[in-house]
Amino acid sequence: MAEQIFIIEDGTLTKYEADDYVEVVYIPDCVKHIGCQTFFEVVVGKVVIPDSVTTIEADAFLDCTLEEIEIPDSVTTIETWAFSGCENLQSITIPESVTSIGP
């Protein structure tokens, strides 16, 4: 099993690392925001975001191998280019709770 490292600062997940492919990443419930470039070039299949998260910051998943993501109704903001370069992303459902996307 891959070792996973979550770096969380003041409720913001600022960095995620794994030493190998992770099929499903469960973000900890204490996270309120997914920070800029948190999953930059990470090799992962699916990310499950908890109900505690309200914001996905710019470039959060930049060039990630992400195939699937679950965005909960608690998310209200998805910033610019949050999923830029996610060429493997098959589909994404954005909940009605999201009131701001992009710039």
C-alpha atoms as a PDB file:
ATOM      1  CA  MET A   1       0.000   0.000   0.000  1.00  0.00           C
ATOM      2  CA  ALA A   2       1.289   3.454  -0.894  1.00  0.00           C
ATOM      3  CA  GLU A   3       2.365   5.799   1.864  1.00  0.00           C
ATOM      4  CA  GLN A   4       0.292   8.985   1.765  1.00  0.00           C
ATOM      5  CA  ILE A   5       1.231  12.366   3.192  1.00  0.00           C
ATOM      6  CA  PHE A   6      -1.273  15.163   3.777  1.00  0.00           C
ATOM      7  CA  ILE A   7       0.101  18.605   4.687  1.00  0.00           C
ATOM      8  CA  ILE A   8      -2.648  20.726   6.229  1.00  0.00           C
ATOM      9  CA  GLU A   9      -2.135  24.334   7.358  1.00  0.00           C
ATOM     10  CA  ASP A  10      -4.980  26.248   9.037  1.00  0.00           C
ATOM     11  CA  GLY A  11      -7.637  24.043   7.451  1.00  0.00           C
ATOM     12  CA  THR A  12      -6.113  24.174   3.964  1.00  0.00           C
ATOM     13  CA  LEU A  13      -4.714  21.039   2.370  1.00  0.00           C
ATOM     14  CA  THR A  14      -1.557  22.506   0.859  1.00  0.00           C
ATOM     15  CA  LYS A  15       0.205  19.343  -0.328  1.00  0.00           C
ATOM     16  CA  TYR A  16      -0.624  15.723  -0.996  1.00  0.00           C
ATOM     17  CA  GLU A  17       2.066  13.158  -1.772  1.00  0.00           C
ATOM     18  CA  ALA A  18       2.127   9.407  -2.284  1.00  0.00           C
ATOM     19  CA  ASP A  19       5.044   7.140  -3.072  1.00  0.00           C
ATOM     20  CA  ASP A  20       2.978   5.092  -5.555  1.00  0.00           C
ATOM     21  CA  TYR A  21      -0.360   5.060  -7.397  1.00  0.00           C
ATOM     22  CA  VAL A  22      -3.339   5.446  -5.071  1.00  0.00           C
ATOM     23  CA  GLU A  23      -6.668   4.189  -6.362  1.00  0.00           C
ATOM     24  CA  VAL A  24      -8.800   6.328  -4.004  1.00  0.00           C
ATOM     25  CA  VAL A  25      -7.690   9.286  -1.887  1.00  0.00           C
ATOM     26  CA  TYR A  26      -9.971  10.247   0.991  1.00  0.00           C
ATOM     27  CA  ILE A  27      -9.239  13.826   2.023  1.00  0.00           C
ATOM     28  CA  PRO A  28      -9.363  14.197   5.840  1.00  0.00           C
ATOM     29  CA  ASP A  29     -12.515  15.719   7.389  1.00  0.00           C
ATOM     30  CA  CYS A  30     -10.533  18.564   8.975  1.00  0.00           C
ATOM     31  CA  VAL A  31      -9.816  20.129   5.552  1.00  0.00           C
ATOM     32  CA  LYS A  32     -11.830  23.247   4.617  1.00  0.00           C
ATOM     33  CA  HIS A  33      -9.963  24.239   1.447  1.00  0.00           C
ATOM     34  CA  ILE A  34      -7.962  22.365  -1.176  1.00  0.00           C
ATOM     35  CA  GLY A  35      -5.011  24.642  -1.882  1.00  0.00           C
ATOM     36  CA  CYS A  36      -3.271  25.763  -5.042  1.00  0.00           C
ATOM     37  CA  GLN A  37      -1.361  22.914  -6.729  1.00  0.00           C
ATOM     38  CA  THR A  38      -2.089  20.507  -3.856  1.00  0.00           C
ATOM     39  CA  PHE A  39      -2.320  17.525  -6.230  1.00  0.00           C
ATOM     40  CA  PHE A  40       0.226  18.803  -8.805  1.00  0.00           C
ATOM     41  CA  GLU A  41       1.324  15.853 -10.978  1.00  0.00           C
ATOM     42  CA  VAL A  42      -0.042  13.333  -8.455  1.00  0.00           C
ATOM     43  CA  VAL A  43      -0.805   9.836  -9.769  1.00  0.00           C
ATOM     44  CA  VAL A  44      -4.256   8.958  -8.420  1.00  0.00           C
ATOM     45  CA  GLY A  45      -7.459   7.364  -9.684  1.00  0.00           C
ATOM     46  CA  LYS A  46     -10.197   8.981  -7.594  1.00  0.00           C
ATOM     47  CA  VAL A  47     -10.425  11.710  -4.951  1.00  0.00           C
ATOM     48  CA  VAL A  48     -13.237  11.861  -2.397  1.00  0.00           C
ATOM     49  CA  ILE A  49     -13.733  15.309  -0.893  1.00  0.00           C
ATOM     50  CA  PRO A  50     -15.383  15.506   2.558  1.00  0.00           C
ATOM     51  CA  ASP A  51     -18.358  17.726   3.432  1.00  0.00           C
ATOM     52  CA  SER A  52     -16.016  20.039   5.355  1.00  0.00           C
ATOM     53  CA  VAL A  53     -14.487  21.455   2.133  1.00  0.00           C
ATOM     54  CA  THR A  54     -15.926  24.713   0.758  1.00  0.00           C
ATOM     55  CA  THR A  55     -13.245  25.811  -1.739  1.00  0.00           C
ATOM     56  CA  ILE A  56     -11.112  24.178  -4.417  1.00  0.00           C
ATOM     57  CA  GLU A  57      -8.350  26.676  -5.180  1.00  0.00           C
ATOM     58  CA  ALA A  58      -6.697  27.520  -8.517  1.00  0.00           C
ATOM     59  CA  ASP A  59      -4.635  24.733 -10.098  1.00  0.00           C
ATOM     60  CA  ALA A  60      -5.496  22.404  -7.190  1.00  0.00           C
ATOM     61  CA  PHE A  61      -5.318  19.311  -9.415  1.00  0.00           C
ATOM     62  CA  LEU A  62      -2.899  20.665 -12.040  1.00  0.00           C
ATOM     63  CA  ASP A  63      -1.592  17.884 -14.324  1.00  0.00           C
ATOM     64  CA  CYS A  64      -2.965  15.186 -11.993  1.00  0.00           C
ATOM     65  CA  THR A  65      -3.854  11.736 -13.411  1.00  0.00           C
ATOM     66  CA  LEU A  66      -7.235  12.034 -11.700  1.00  0.00           C
ATOM     67  CA  GLU A  67      -9.957   9.931 -13.368  1.00  0.00           C
ATOM     68  CA  GLU A  68     -12.882  10.582 -11.027  1.00  0.00           C
ATOM     69  CA  ILE A  69     -13.765  13.058  -8.290  1.00  0.00           C
ATOM     70  CA  GLU A  70     -16.635  13.418  -5.842  1.00  0.00           C
ATOM     71  CA  ILE A  71     -17.462  17.054  -5.061  1.00  0.00           C
ATOM     72  CA  PRO A  72     -19.872  17.453  -2.124  1.00  0.00           C
ATOM     73  CA  ASP A  73     -22.639  20.051  -1.791  1.00  0.00           C
ATOM     74  CA  SER A  74     -20.507  21.910   0.768  1.00  0.00           C
ATOM     75  CA  VAL A  75     -18.236  23.250  -2.023  1.00  0.00           C
ATOM     76  CA  THR A  76     -19.266  26.755  -3.083  1.00  0.00           C
ATOM     77  CA  THR A  77     -16.165  27.901  -4.990  1.00  0.00           C
ATOM     78  CA  ILE A  78     -14.006  26.265  -7.656  1.00  0.00           C
ATOM     79  CA  GLU A  79     -11.208  28.620  -8.686  1.00  0.00           C
ATOM     80  CA  THR A  80      -9.539  29.086 -12.076  1.00  0.00           C
ATOM     81  CA  TRP A  81      -7.958  26.071 -13.747  1.00  0.00           C
ATOM     82  CA  ALA A  82      -8.668  23.820 -10.742  1.00  0.00           C
ATOM     83  CA  PHE A  83      -8.605  20.735 -13.000  1.00  0.00           C
ATOM     84  CA  SER A  84      -6.209  22.010 -15.683  1.00  0.00           C
ATOM     85  CA  GLY A  85      -4.225  19.260 -17.380  1.00  0.00           C
ATOM     86  CA  CYS A  86      -6.324  16.433 -15.881  1.00  0.00           C
ATOM     87  CA  GLU A  87      -6.368  14.566 -19.170  1.00  0.00           C
ATOM     88  CA  ASN A  88      -7.677  11.329 -17.613  1.00  0.00           C
ATOM     89  CA  LEU A  89     -10.697  12.972 -15.958  1.00  0.00           C
ATOM     90  CA  GLN A  90     -13.686  11.096 -17.403  1.00  0.00           C
ATOM     91  CA  SER A  91     -16.466  13.227 -15.949  1.00  0.00           C
ATOM     92  CA  ILE A  92     -17.184  15.644 -13.177  1.00  0.00           C
ATOM     93  CA  THR A  93     -20.452  16.609 -11.540  1.00  0.00           C
ATOM     94  CA  ILE A  94     -20.525  20.105 -10.130  1.00  0.00           C
ATOM     95  CA  PRO A  95     -23.169  20.463  -7.413  1.00  0.00           C
ATOM     96  CA  GLU A  96     -25.693  23.310  -7.447  1.00  0.00           C
ATOM     97  CA  SER A  97     -24.037  24.654  -4.292  1.00  0.00           C
ATOM     98  CA  VAL A  98     -21.129  25.977  -6.399  1.00  0.00           C
ATOM     99  CA  THR A  99     -21.804  29.687  -6.908  1.00  0.00           C
ATOM    100  CA  SER A 100     -18.400  30.692  -8.252  1.00  0.00           C
ATOM    101  CA  ILE A 101     -16.229  29.044 -10.921  1.00  0.00           C
ATOM    102  CA  GLY A 102     -13.084  30.593 -12.340  1.00  0.00           C
ATOM    103  CA  PRO A 103     -11.776  34.138 -12.141  1.00  0.00           C
END
